[in-house]
Structure formats: C-alpha cells, structure tokens
C-alpha cells in the first residue's frame, strides 16, 4: 500500500486537505475522499482501518466562499442595467439555486 511506513494521521490529514482545497480539481478531490477510506494504522499488530464515507461535494463555482454573499452578488447582477438580459437571467437562476440549497425554500420574486 502506498501509505505503508507513513503516519496514517498525517496521510489522512493531507488527503482531507486535498479533498477540500478549491485549487484541486473535482476529480482529484473525489480521489482523495475515496483514498481516506484506505488509510490505516497498525496498533499492537492489528490493522485498524479508518473508514470515511465520502460526502457529495458541491461543485458550483462558489465553493469555498460564503454562499449568502455569492447569492447577494448574483442578485445584484440580475438587477444591474449594465448586465445583458441573458446574463441577468442566468444570474437570477443561479441565485435562486443557491438560495434554495441554503434555505430549502424558493427565492421569492425569482420569476423574471
């Protein structure tokens, strides 16, 4: 196993860091989450597997940012007269999606 002879806590920590780093591709983040389940440590001759069930990751472009702030910025763009109608509609749809993910409720007045 590629982790043999290494401190499993450090390996697991590194994998978790990679899995949550917005500068790492979504594919590599998923690989890191899956690898966490394979990390083990040896305790008095017994193998103790550290199992971590990967949680689905949100891959929207606001990952790592405050969703409420992103929603606010998108709402501002949706009502900005200097933004094209197409981008206004796109911004409103994204803001609505983020709002619903955050609150579980549809965004009021989102029907343009």
Protein backbone atom coordinates (compact mmCIF):
# COMPACT_ATOMS: atom_id res chain seq x y z
CA UNK A 1 0.00 0.00 0.00
CA UNK A 2 1.35 3.47 -0.85
CA UNK A 3 0.89 4.68 2.74
CA UNK A 4 2.98 1.97 4.41
CA UNK A 5 5.56 3.33 6.81
CA UNK A 6 3.90 6.74 6.95
CA UNK A 7 1.97 8.27 9.80
CA UNK A 8 -1.65 7.46 8.90
CA UNK A 9 -2.93 10.54 10.74
CA UNK A 10 -0.71 12.75 8.58
CA UNK A 11 -1.69 10.90 5.41
CA UNK A 12 -5.37 11.21 6.27
CA UNK A 13 -4.92 14.91 7.07
CA UNK A 14 -3.21 15.52 3.74
CA UNK A 15 -5.94 13.68 1.87
CA UNK A 16 -8.64 15.66 3.67
CA UNK A 17 -6.84 18.92 2.86
CA UNK A 18 -6.65 17.98 -0.82
CA UNK A 19 -10.31 16.93 -0.81
CA UNK A 20 -11.40 20.36 0.41
CA UNK A 21 -8.91 22.55 -1.46
CA UNK A 22 -10.69 24.68 -4.09
CA UNK A 23 -7.47 24.74 -6.15
CA UNK A 24 -7.62 20.94 -6.60
CA UNK A 25 -9.71 19.56 -9.46
CA UNK A 26 -13.05 17.95 -8.61
CA UNK A 27 -11.69 14.62 -9.89
CA UNK A 28 -8.66 14.72 -7.57
CA UNK A 29 -10.85 15.87 -4.65
CA UNK A 30 -13.05 12.80 -5.15
CA UNK A 31 -9.98 10.52 -5.41
CA UNK A 32 -8.68 11.96 -2.13
CA UNK A 33 -12.00 11.31 -0.39
CA UNK A 34 -12.01 7.72 -1.62
CA UNK A 35 -8.39 7.21 -0.53
CA UNK A 36 -9.18 8.31 3.03
CA UNK A 37 -11.10 5.05 3.47
CA UNK A 38 -7.96 3.08 2.59
CA UNK A 39 -5.70 4.71 5.15
CA UNK A 40 -5.00 2.52 8.14
CA UNK A 41 -2.76 2.42 11.14
CA UNK A 42 -1.19 -0.52 12.90
CA UNK A 43 -1.96 -0.83 16.59
CA UNK A 44 -0.27 -3.67 18.51
CA UNK A 45 -0.25 -5.92 15.45
CA UNK A 46 -3.85 -5.23 14.49
CA UNK A 47 -4.84 -3.32 11.42
CA UNK A 48 -7.30 -0.60 12.23
CA UNK A 49 -8.99 0.76 9.14
CA UNK A 50 -10.12 4.33 9.22
CA UNK A 51 -13.26 4.46 7.17
CA UNK A 52 -14.63 7.74 5.95
CA UNK A 53 -17.69 7.79 3.74
CA UNK A 54 -17.26 10.46 1.11
CA UNK A 55 -19.90 13.14 1.19
CA UNK A 56 -21.11 14.60 -2.10
CA UNK A 57 -19.29 17.81 -2.85
CA UNK A 58 -20.95 20.85 -4.26
CA UNK A 59 -19.03 21.68 -7.43
CA UNK A 60 -20.57 25.07 -8.15
CA UNK A 61 -18.07 27.85 -8.72
CA UNK A 62 -18.79 29.43 -5.32
CA UNK A 63 -17.26 26.54 -3.39
CA UNK A 64 -15.12 27.83 -0.55
CA UNK A 65 -16.98 31.13 -0.49
CA UNK A 66 -19.88 32.29 1.64
CA UNK A 67 -22.99 31.16 -0.31
CA UNK A 68 -25.02 34.05 1.12
CA UNK A 69 -22.53 36.56 -0.27
CA UNK A 70 -22.45 34.80 -3.63
CA UNK A 71 -26.25 34.80 -3.73
CA UNK A 72 -26.24 38.54 -2.98
CA UNK A 73 -23.75 39.24 -5.75
CA UNK A 74 -25.78 37.24 -8.23
CA UNK A 75 -28.96 39.06 -7.23
CA UNK A 76 -27.17 42.38 -7.74
CA UNK A 77 -26.03 41.29 -11.20
CA UNK A 78 -29.58 40.15 -12.02
CA UNK A 79 -30.87 43.68 -11.38
CA UNK A 80 -27.93 45.62 -12.84
CA UNK A 81 -28.96 47.50 -16.02
CA UNK A 82 -25.37 47.28 -17.31
CA UNK A 83 -25.62 43.47 -17.46
CA UNK A 84 -27.14 41.83 -20.54
CA UNK A 85 -30.64 40.36 -20.22
CA UNK A 86 -29.22 36.89 -20.83
CA UNK A 87 -26.67 37.22 -18.01
CA UNK A 88 -29.27 38.80 -15.73
CA UNK A 89 -31.49 35.75 -16.19
CA UNK A 90 -28.54 33.38 -15.69
CA UNK A 91 -27.54 35.21 -12.50
CA UNK A 92 -31.08 35.09 -11.15
CA UNK A 93 -31.31 31.35 -11.84
CA UNK A 94 -28.01 30.70 -10.05
CA UNK A 95 -29.03 32.93 -7.12
CA UNK A 96 -32.30 31.04 -6.87
CA UNK A 97 -30.49 27.69 -6.89
CA UNK A 98 -28.07 28.80 -4.16
CA UNK A 99 -30.93 30.25 -2.08
CA UNK A 100 -32.87 27.00 -2.31
CA UNK A 101 -29.78 24.94 -1.36
CA UNK A 102 -29.14 27.21 1.64
CA UNK A 103 -32.70 27.60 2.94
CA UNK A 104 -34.74 24.83 1.37
CA UNK A 105 -37.18 27.48 0.11
CA UNK A 106 -37.53 29.00 -3.35
CA UNK A 107 -36.28 32.52 -3.88
CA UNK A 108 -39.20 34.97 -3.77
CA UNK A 109 -39.58 37.09 -6.86
CA UNK A 110 -37.26 34.83 -8.86
CA UNK A 111 -39.70 34.56 -11.76
CA UNK A 112 -38.49 37.08 -14.31
